Amino acid sequence: MELAKITSKGQITIPVEIRRKLGVKEGDKVLFVEEAGKIYILNSSMEALKEAQAAFAGEAERAGLKNEDDVVAMMKEFRRERTVE
């Protein structure tokens, strides 16, 4: 458990061990999420990545991509189409 003091401006310093666990550094943004009456601090970049991964889940199967060779073939076809236009 870590402790932080709130300044008169409502600011806190996130303890170094918590910053390490979150994977955040100076200039990064954190996300505050309320869930079941508790507040969580999350690394906003990592949360955005997780949301993107969830949004794309299953798309490869829907596109008929079964392996890396299928992806390479699709990219070659895409590039051919782009150079023809």
PDB file of N, CA and C in Angstrom:
ATOM      1  N   MET A   1       0.846  -1.173   0.000  1.00  0.00           N
ATOM      2  CA  MET A   1       0.000   0.000   0.000  1.00  0.00           C
ATOM      3  C   MET A   1       0.888   1.232   0.000  1.00  0.00           C
ATOM      4  N   GLU A   2       0.532   2.203  -0.830  1.00  0.00           N
ATOM      5  CA  GLU A   2       1.289   3.444  -0.947  1.00  0.00           C
ATOM      6  C   GLU A   2       0.405   4.606  -0.505  1.00  0.00           C
ATOM      7  N   LEU A   3       1.019   5.678  -0.054  1.00  0.00           N
ATOM      8  CA  LEU A   3       0.299   6.845   0.431  1.00  0.00           C
ATOM      9  C   LEU A   3       0.771   8.074  -0.324  1.00  0.00           C
ATOM     10  N   ALA A   4      -0.166   8.948  -0.702  1.00  0.00           N
ATOM     11  CA  ALA A   4       0.169  10.195  -1.379  1.00  0.00           C
ATOM     12  C   ALA A   4      -0.644  11.311  -0.740  1.00  0.00           C
ATOM     13  N   LYS A   5      -0.062  12.508  -0.699  1.00  0.00           N
ATOM     14  CA  LYS A   5      -0.710  13.671  -0.105  1.00  0.00           C
ATOM     15  C   LYS A   5      -1.276  14.555  -1.214  1.00  0.00           C
ATOM     16  N   ILE A   6      -2.452  15.108  -1.004  1.00  0.00           N
ATOM     17  CA  ILE A   6      -3.092  15.986  -1.973  1.00  0.00           C
ATOM     18  C   ILE A   6      -2.689  17.420  -1.664  1.00  0.00           C
ATOM     19  N   THR A   7      -2.256  18.152  -2.716  1.00  0.00           N
ATOM     20  CA  THR A   7      -1.874  19.557  -2.529  1.00  0.00           C
ATOM     21  C   THR A   7      -3.131  20.424  -2.513  1.00  0.00           C
ATOM     22  N   SER A   8      -2.949  21.708  -2.241  1.00  0.00           N
ATOM     23  CA  SER A   8      -4.077  22.642  -2.219  1.00  0.00           C
ATOM     24  C   SER A   8      -4.729  22.771  -3.601  1.00  0.00           C
ATOM     25  N   LYS A   9      -3.992  22.415  -4.650  1.00  0.00           N
ATOM     26  CA  LYS A   9      -4.532  22.454  -6.013  1.00  0.00           C
ATOM     27  C   LYS A   9      -5.148  21.118  -6.436  1.00  0.00           C
ATOM     28  N   GLY A  10      -5.221  20.164  -5.531  1.00  0.00           N
ATOM     29  CA  GLY A  10      -5.803  18.865  -5.838  1.00  0.00           C
ATOM     30  C   GLY A  10      -4.855  17.917  -6.538  1.00  0.00           C
ATOM     31  N   GLN A  11      -3.562  18.245  -6.550  1.00  0.00           N
ATOM     32  CA  GLN A  11      -2.578  17.406  -7.225  1.00  0.00           C
ATOM     33  C   GLN A  11      -1.980  16.392  -6.258  1.00  0.00           C
ATOM     34  N   ILE A  12      -1.560  15.261  -6.826  1.00  0.00           N
ATOM     35  CA  ILE A  12      -0.850  14.252  -6.042  1.00  0.00           C
ATOM     36  C   ILE A  12       0.395  13.823  -6.814  1.00  0.00           C
ATOM     37  N   THR A  13       1.353  13.296  -6.094  1.00  0.00           N
ATOM     38  CA  THR A  13       2.503  12.662  -6.722  1.00  0.00           C
ATOM     39  C   THR A  13       2.276  11.164  -6.613  1.00  0.00           C
ATOM     40  N   ILE A  14       2.266  10.480  -7.753  1.00  0.00           N
ATOM     41  CA  ILE A  14       2.098   9.034  -7.731  1.00  0.00           C
ATOM     42  C   ILE A  14       3.421   8.424  -7.299  1.00  0.00           C
ATOM     43  N   PRO A  15       3.414   7.622  -6.239  1.00  0.00           N
ATOM     44  CA  PRO A  15       4.660   7.030  -5.756  1.00  0.00           C
ATOM     45  C   PRO A  15       5.389   6.251  -6.858  1.00  0.00           C
ATOM     46  N   VAL A  16       6.713   6.277  -6.801  1.00  0.00           N
ATOM     47  CA  VAL A  16       7.549   5.690  -7.851  1.00  0.00           C
ATOM     48  C   VAL A  16       7.212   4.221  -8.109  1.00  0.00           C
ATOM     49  N   GLU A  17       6.955   3.450  -7.068  1.00  0.00           N
ATOM     50  CA  GLU A  17       6.656   2.031  -7.259  1.00  0.00           C
ATOM     51  C   GLU A  17       5.346   1.840  -8.021  1.00  0.00           C
ATOM     52  N   ILE A  18       4.378   2.687  -7.759  1.00  0.00           N
ATOM     53  CA  ILE A  18       3.099   2.619  -8.473  1.00  0.00           C
ATOM     54  C   ILE A  18       3.302   3.038  -9.933  1.00  0.00           C
ATOM     55  N   ARG A  19       4.111   4.083 -10.172  1.00  0.00           N
ATOM     56  CA  ARG A  19       4.411   4.501 -11.553  1.00  0.00           C
ATOM     57  C   ARG A  19       5.060   3.366 -12.323  1.00  0.00           C
ATOM     58  N   ARG A  20       5.970   2.669 -11.679  1.00  0.00           N
ATOM     59  CA  ARG A  20       6.632   1.526 -12.343  1.00  0.00           C
ATOM     60  C   ARG A  20       5.624   0.451 -12.699  1.00  0.00           C
ATOM     61  N   LYS A  21       4.748   0.131 -11.758  1.00  0.00           N
ATOM     62  CA  LYS A  21       3.750  -0.916 -12.003  1.00  0.00           C
ATOM     63  C   LYS A  21       2.782  -0.511 -13.112  1.00  0.00           C
ATOM     64  N   LEU A  22       2.450   0.773 -13.174  1.00  0.00           N
ATOM     65  CA  LEU A  22       1.561   1.264 -14.225  1.00  0.00           C
ATOM     66  C   LEU A  22       2.284   1.412 -15.562  1.00  0.00           C
ATOM     67  N   GLY A  23       3.608   1.507 -15.506  1.00  0.00           N
ATOM     68  CA  GLY A  23       4.386   1.721 -16.723  1.00  0.00           C
ATOM     69  C   GLY A  23       4.233   3.135 -17.253  1.00  0.00           C
ATOM     70  N   VAL A  24       4.148   4.115 -16.352  1.00  0.00           N
ATOM     71  CA  VAL A  24       4.008   5.509 -16.777  1.00  0.00           C
ATOM     72  C   VAL A  24       5.243   6.304 -16.384  1.00  0.00           C
ATOM     73  N   LYS A  25       5.476   7.360 -17.182  1.00  0.00           N
ATOM     74  CA  LYS A  25       6.605   8.244 -16.912  1.00  0.00           C
ATOM     75  C   LYS A  25       6.139   9.683 -17.117  1.00  0.00           C
ATOM     76  N   GLU A  26       7.028  10.624 -16.908  1.00  0.00           N
ATOM     77  CA  GLU A  26       6.696  12.037 -17.049  1.00  0.00           C
ATOM     78  C   GLU A  26       6.051  12.315 -18.410  1.00  0.00           C
ATOM     79  N   GLY A  27       4.938  13.017 -18.387  1.00  0.00           N
ATOM     80  CA  GLY A  27       4.238  13.372 -19.612  1.00  0.00           C
ATOM     81  C   GLY A  27       3.150  12.390 -20.019  1.00  0.00           C
ATOM     82  N   ASP A  28       3.187  11.184 -19.474  1.00  0.00           N
ATOM     83  CA  ASP A  28       2.143  10.203 -19.776  1.00  0.00           C
ATOM     84  C   ASP A  28       0.838  10.622 -19.103  1.00  0.00           C
ATOM     85  N   LYS A  29      -0.244  10.060 -19.596  1.00  0.00           N
ATOM     86  CA  LYS A  29      -1.552  10.333 -19.013  1.00  0.00           C
ATOM     87  C   LYS A  29      -2.059   9.091 -18.306  1.00  0.00           C
ATOM     88  N   VAL A  30      -2.795   9.327 -17.223  1.00  0.00           N
ATOM     89  CA  VAL A  30      -3.421   8.228 -16.503  1.00  0.00           C
ATOM     90  C   VAL A  30      -4.928   8.403 -16.599  1.00  0.00           C
ATOM     91  N   LEU A  31      -5.617   7.312 -16.450  1.00  0.00           N
ATOM     92  CA  LEU A  31      -7.057   7.268 -16.567  1.00  0.00           C
ATOM     93  C   LEU A  31      -7.629   6.884 -15.209  1.00  0.00           C
ATOM     94  N   PHE A  32      -8.652   7.596 -14.761  1.00  0.00           N
ATOM     95  CA  PHE A  32      -9.332   7.274 -13.510  1.00  0.00           C
ATOM     96  C   PHE A  32     -10.645   6.605 -13.863  1.00  0.00           C
ATOM     97  N   VAL A  33     -10.844   5.389 -13.360  1.00  0.00           N
ATOM     98  CA  VAL A  33     -12.042   4.616 -13.671  1.00  0.00           C
ATOM     99  C   VAL A  33     -12.738   4.245 -12.371  1.00  0.00           C
ATOM    100  N   GLU A  34     -14.041   4.518 -12.322  1.00  0.00           N
ATOM    101  CA  GLU A  34     -14.830   4.118 -11.156  1.00  0.00           C
ATOM    102  C   GLU A  34     -15.568   2.839 -11.503  1.00  0.00           C
ATOM    103  N   GLU A  35     -15.433   1.858 -10.627  1.00  0.00           N
ATOM    104  CA  GLU A  35     -16.072   0.572 -10.851  1.00  0.00           C
ATOM    105  C   GLU A  35     -16.456  -0.029  -9.512  1.00  0.00           C
ATOM    106  N   ALA A  36     -17.702  -0.330  -9.356  1.00  0.00           N
ATOM    107  CA  ALA A  36     -18.215  -0.950  -8.126  1.00  0.00           C
ATOM    108  C   ALA A  36     -17.803  -0.163  -6.883  1.00  0.00           C
ATOM    109  N   GLY A  37     -17.892   1.162  -6.968  1.00  0.00           N
ATOM    110  CA  GLY A  37     -17.600   2.010  -5.820  1.00  0.00           C
ATOM    111  C   GLY A  37     -16.124   2.214  -5.532  1.00  0.00           C
ATOM    112  N   LYS A  38     -15.262   1.724  -6.396  1.00  0.00           N
ATOM    113  CA  LYS A  38     -13.817   1.901  -6.215  1.00  0.00           C
ATOM    114  C   LYS A  38     -13.270   2.703  -7.387  1.00  0.00           C
ATOM    115  N   ILE A  39     -12.189   3.449  -7.148  1.00  0.00           N
ATOM    116  CA  ILE A  39     -11.540   4.231  -8.182  1.00  0.00           C
ATOM    117  C   ILE A  39     -10.212   3.554  -8.522  1.00  0.00           C
ATOM    118  N   TYR A  40      -9.980   3.345  -9.818  1.00  0.00           N
ATOM    119  CA  TYR A  40      -8.744   2.729 -10.284  1.00  0.00           C
ATOM    120  C   TYR A  40      -7.977   3.737 -11.128  1.00  0.00           C
ATOM    121  N   ILE A  41      -6.651   3.708 -11.015  1.00  0.00           N
ATOM    122  CA  ILE A  41      -5.787   4.519 -11.855  1.00  0.00           C
ATOM    123  C   ILE A  41      -5.146   3.575 -12.861  1.00  0.00           C
ATOM    124  N   LEU A  42      -5.310   3.896 -14.155  1.00  0.00           N
ATOM    125  CA  LEU A  42      -4.802   3.037 -15.219  1.00  0.00           C
ATOM    126  C   LEU A  42      -3.911   3.826 -16.166  1.00  0.00           C
ATOM    127  N   ASN A  43      -3.014   3.137 -16.821  1.00  0.00           N
ATOM    128  CA  ASN A  43      -2.180   3.728 -17.867  1.00  0.00           C
ATOM    129  C   ASN A  43      -3.084   3.929 -19.077  1.00  0.00           C
ATOM    130  N   SER A  44      -3.338   5.185 -19.465  1.00  0.00           N
ATOM    131  CA  SER A  44      -4.311   5.456 -20.532  1.00  0.00           C
ATOM    132  C   SER A  44      -3.883   4.865 -21.869  1.00  0.00           C
ATOM    133  N   SER A  45      -2.595   4.841 -22.173  1.00  0.00           N
ATOM    134  CA  SER A  45      -2.124   4.265 -23.445  1.00  0.00           C
ATOM    135  C   SER A  45      -2.400   2.768 -23.501  1.00  0.00           C
ATOM    136  N   MET A  46      -2.157   2.090 -22.405  1.00  0.00           N
ATOM    137  CA  MET A  46      -2.381   0.649 -22.370  1.00  0.00           C
ATOM    138  C   MET A  46      -3.868   0.335 -22.482  1.00  0.00           C
ATOM    139  N   GLU A  47      -4.705   1.148 -21.866  1.00  0.00           N
ATOM    140  CA  GLU A  47      -6.149   0.938 -21.953  1.00  0.00           C
ATOM    141  C   GLU A  47      -6.642   1.158 -23.378  1.00  0.00           C
ATOM    142  N   ALA A  48      -6.106   2.173 -24.056  1.00  0.00           N
ATOM    143  CA  ALA A  48      -6.486   2.431 -25.448  1.00  0.00           C
ATOM    144  C   ALA A  48      -6.095   1.250 -26.325  1.00  0.00           C
ATOM    145  N   LEU A  49      -4.911   0.693 -26.092  1.00  0.00           N
ATOM    146  CA  LEU A  49      -4.456  -0.471 -26.851  1.00  0.00           C
ATOM    147  C   LEU A  49      -5.372  -1.670 -26.612  1.00  0.00           C
ATOM    148  N   LYS A  50      -5.746  -1.902 -25.359  1.00  0.00           N
ATOM    149  CA  LYS A  50      -6.646  -3.017 -25.037  1.00  0.00           C
ATOM    150  C   LYS A  50      -7.997  -2.847 -25.733  1.00  0.00           C
ATOM    151  N   GLU A  51      -8.508  -1.609 -25.755  1.00  0.00           N
ATOM    152  CA  GLU A  51      -9.782  -1.353 -26.425  1.00  0.00           C
ATOM    153  C   GLU A  51      -9.671  -1.610 -27.926  1.00  0.00           C
ATOM    154  N   ALA A  52      -8.564  -1.188 -28.527  1.00  0.00           N
ATOM    155  CA  ALA A  52      -8.361  -1.417 -29.957  1.00  0.00           C
ATOM    156  C   ALA A  52      -8.277  -2.910 -30.253  1.00  0.00           C
ATOM    157  N   GLN A  53      -7.556  -3.641 -29.413  1.00  0.00           N
ATOM    158  CA  GLN A  53      -7.440  -5.085 -29.609  1.00  0.00           C
ATOM    159  C   GLN A  53      -8.812  -5.747 -29.510  1.00  0.00           C
ATOM    160  N   ALA A  54      -9.609  -5.310 -28.548  1.00  0.00           N
ATOM    161  CA  ALA A  54     -10.952  -5.883 -28.383  1.00  0.00           C
ATOM    162  C   ALA A  54     -11.822  -5.563 -29.595  1.00  0.00           C
ATOM    163  N   ALA A  55     -11.692  -4.344 -30.119  1.00  0.00           N
ATOM    164  CA  ALA A  55     -12.494  -3.939 -31.273  1.00  0.00           C
ATOM    165  C   ALA A  55     -12.142  -4.758 -32.514  1.00  0.00           C
ATOM    166  N   PHE A  56     -10.884  -5.166 -32.655  1.00  0.00           N
ATOM    167  CA  PHE A  56     -10.448  -5.922 -33.821  1.00  0.00           C
ATOM    168  C   PHE A  56     -10.505  -7.435 -33.623  1.00  0.00           C
ATOM    169  N   ALA A  57     -10.894  -7.866 -32.442  1.00  0.00           N
ATOM    170  CA  ALA A  57     -10.941  -9.299 -32.162  1.00  0.00           C
ATOM    171  C   ALA A  57     -11.837 -10.006 -33.178  1.00  0.00           C
ATOM    172  N   GLY A  58     -11.332 -11.050 -33.783  1.00  0.00           N
ATOM    173  CA  GLY A  58     -12.095 -11.851 -34.722  1.00  0.00           C
ATOM    174  C   GLY A  58     -12.065 -11.344 -36.161  1.00  0.00           C
ATOM    175  N   GLU A  59     -11.498 -10.169 -36.407  1.00  0.00           N
ATOM    176  CA  GLU A  59     -11.487  -9.613 -37.760  1.00  0.00           C
ATOM    177  C   GLU A  59     -10.648 -10.448 -38.729  1.00  0.00           C
ATOM    178  N   ALA A  60      -9.535 -10.997 -38.260  1.00  0.00           N
ATOM    179  CA  ALA A  60      -8.688 -11.820 -39.140  1.00  0.00           C
ATOM    180  C   ALA A  60      -9.466 -13.040 -39.629  1.00  0.00           C
ATOM    181  N   GLU A  61     -10.193 -13.672 -38.727  1.00  0.00           N
ATOM    182  CA  GLU A  61     -10.972 -14.842 -39.124  1.00  0.00           C
ATOM    183  C   GLU A  61     -12.067 -14.440 -40.108  1.00  0.00           C
ATOM    184  N   ARG A  62     -12.733 -13.301 -39.861  1.00  0.00           N
ATOM    185  CA  ARG A  62     -13.795 -12.840 -40.762  1.00  0.00           C
ATOM    186  C   ARG A  62     -13.244 -12.502 -42.152  1.00  0.00           C
ATOM    187  N   ALA A  63     -11.978 -12.065 -42.199  1.00  0.00           N
ATOM    188  CA  ALA A  63     -11.355 -11.733 -43.482  1.00  0.00           C
ATOM    189  C   ALA A  63     -10.747 -12.965 -44.150  1.00  0.00           C
ATOM    190  N   GLY A  64     -10.822 -14.110 -43.491  1.00  0.00           N
ATOM    191  CA  GLY A  64     -10.296 -15.345 -44.064  1.00  0.00           C
ATOM    192  C   GLY A  64      -8.795 -15.500 -43.899  1.00  0.00           C
ATOM    193  N   LEU A  65      -8.207 -14.770 -42.953  1.00  0.00           N
ATOM    194  CA  LEU A  65      -6.764 -14.852 -42.730  1.00  0.00           C
ATOM    195  C   LEU A  65      -6.487 -15.923 -41.685  1.00  0.00           C
ATOM    196  N   LYS A  66      -5.810 -16.972 -42.123  1.00  0.00           N
ATOM    197  CA  LYS A  66      -5.559 -18.095 -41.217  1.00  0.00           C
ATOM    198  C   LYS A  66      -4.127 -18.140 -40.696  1.00  0.00           C
ATOM    199  N   ASN A  67      -3.196 -17.518 -41.432  1.00  0.00           N
ATOM    200  CA  ASN A  67      -1.799 -17.554 -41.009  1.00  0.00           C
ATOM    201  C   ASN A  67      -1.062 -16.347 -41.585  1.00  0.00           C
ATOM    202  N   GLU A  68       0.226 -16.270 -41.297  1.00  0.00           N
ATOM    203  CA  GLU A  68       1.032 -15.136 -41.746  1.00  0.00           C
ATOM    204  C   GLU A  68       1.113 -15.053 -43.273  1.00  0.00           C
ATOM    205  N   ASP A  69       1.147 -16.192 -43.934  1.00  0.00           N
ATOM    206  CA  ASP A  69       1.187 -16.192 -45.406  1.00  0.00           C
ATOM    207  C   ASP A  69      -0.056 -15.514 -45.989  1.00  0.00           C
ATOM    208  N   ASP A  70      -1.209 -15.739 -45.359  1.00  0.00           N
ATOM    209  CA  ASP A  70      -2.445 -15.090 -45.811  1.00  0.00           C
ATOM    210  C   ASP A  70      -2.346 -13.576 -45.661  1.00  0.00           C
ATOM    211  N   VAL A  71      -1.763 -13.124 -44.572  1.00  0.00           N
ATOM    212  CA  VAL A  71      -1.603 -11.683 -44.334  1.00  0.00           C
ATOM    213  C   VAL A  71      -0.666 -11.083 -45.375  1.00  0.00           C
ATOM    214  N   VAL A  72       0.458 -11.756 -45.631  1.00  0.00           N
ATOM    215  CA  VAL A  72       1.425 -11.274 -46.626  1.00  0.00           C
ATOM    216  C   VAL A  72       0.762 -11.186 -47.999  1.00  0.00           C
ATOM    217  N   ALA A  73       0.008 -12.208 -48.370  1.00  0.00           N
ATOM    218  CA  ALA A  73      -0.680 -12.206 -49.667  1.00  0.00           C
ATOM    219  C   ALA A  73      -1.678 -11.058 -49.744  1.00  0.00           C
ATOM    220  N   MET A  74      -2.411 -10.823 -48.686  1.00  0.00           N
ATOM    221  CA  MET A  74      -3.381  -9.733 -48.661  1.00  0.00           C
ATOM    222  C   MET A  74      -2.676  -8.386 -48.821  1.00  0.00           C
ATOM    223  N   MET A  75      -1.554  -8.192 -48.151  1.00  0.00           N
ATOM    224  CA  MET A  75      -0.814  -6.929 -48.240  1.00  0.00           C
ATOM    225  C   MET A  75      -0.253  -6.733 -49.649  1.00  0.00           C
ATOM    226  N   LYS A  76       0.247  -7.789 -50.265  1.00  0.00           N
ATOM    227  CA  LYS A  76       0.756  -7.682 -51.647  1.00  0.00           C
ATOM    228  C   LYS A  76      -0.364  -7.270 -52.590  1.00  0.00           C
ATOM    229  N   GLU A  77      -1.532  -7.867 -52.441  1.00  0.00           N
ATOM    230  CA  GLU A  77      -2.684  -7.517 -53.267  1.00  0.00           C
ATOM    231  C   GLU A  77      -3.096  -6.065 -53.035  1.00  0.00           C
ATOM    232  N   PHE A  78      -3.105  -5.650 -51.788  1.00  0.00           N
ATOM    233  CA  PHE A  78      -3.450  -4.266 -51.452  1.00  0.00           C
ATOM    234  C   PHE A  78      -2.475  -3.295 -52.108  1.00  0.00           C
ATOM    235  N   ARG A  79      -1.195  -3.606 -52.048  1.00  0.00           N
ATOM    236  CA  ARG A  79      -0.180  -2.734 -52.654  1.00  0.00           C
ATOM    237  C   ARG A  79      -0.324  -2.688 -54.175  1.00  0.00           C
ATOM    238  N   ARG A  80      -0.647  -3.838 -54.785  1.00  0.00           N
ATOM    239  CA  ARG A  80      -0.843  -3.885 -56.240  1.00  0.00           C
ATOM    240  C   ARG A  80      -2.010  -2.978 -56.623  1.00  0.00           C
ATOM    241  N   GLU A  81      -3.091  -3.062 -55.883  1.00  0.00           N
ATOM    242  CA  GLU A  81      -4.269  -2.239 -56.160  1.00  0.00           C
ATOM    243  C   GLU A  81      -3.957  -0.757 -56.017  1.00  0.00           C
ATOM    244  N   ARG A  82      -3.141  -0.399 -55.034  1.00  0.00           N
ATOM    245  CA  ARG A  82      -2.810   1.002 -54.784  1.00  0.00           C
ATOM    246  C   ARG A  82      -1.906   1.564 -55.872  1.00  0.00           C
ATOM    247  N   THR A  83      -1.008   0.757 -56.439  1.00  0.00           N
ATOM    248  CA  THR A  83      -0.087   1.261 -57.457  1.00  0.00           C
ATOM    249  C   THR A  83      -0.769   1.366 -58.824  1.00  0.00           C
ATOM    250  N   VAL A  84      -1.844   0.626 -59.032  1.00  0.00           N
ATOM    251  CA  VAL A  84      -2.573   0.664 -60.292  1.00  0.00           C
ATOM    252  C   VAL A  84      -3.416   1.931 -60.387  1.00  0.00           C
ATOM    253  N   GLU A  85      -3.937   2.403 -59.283  1.00  0.00           N
ATOM    254  CA  GLU A  85      -4.839   3.569 -59.278  1.00  0.00           C
ATOM    255  C   GLU A  85      -4.147   4.842 -59.617  1.00  0.00           C
TER     256      GLU A  85
END
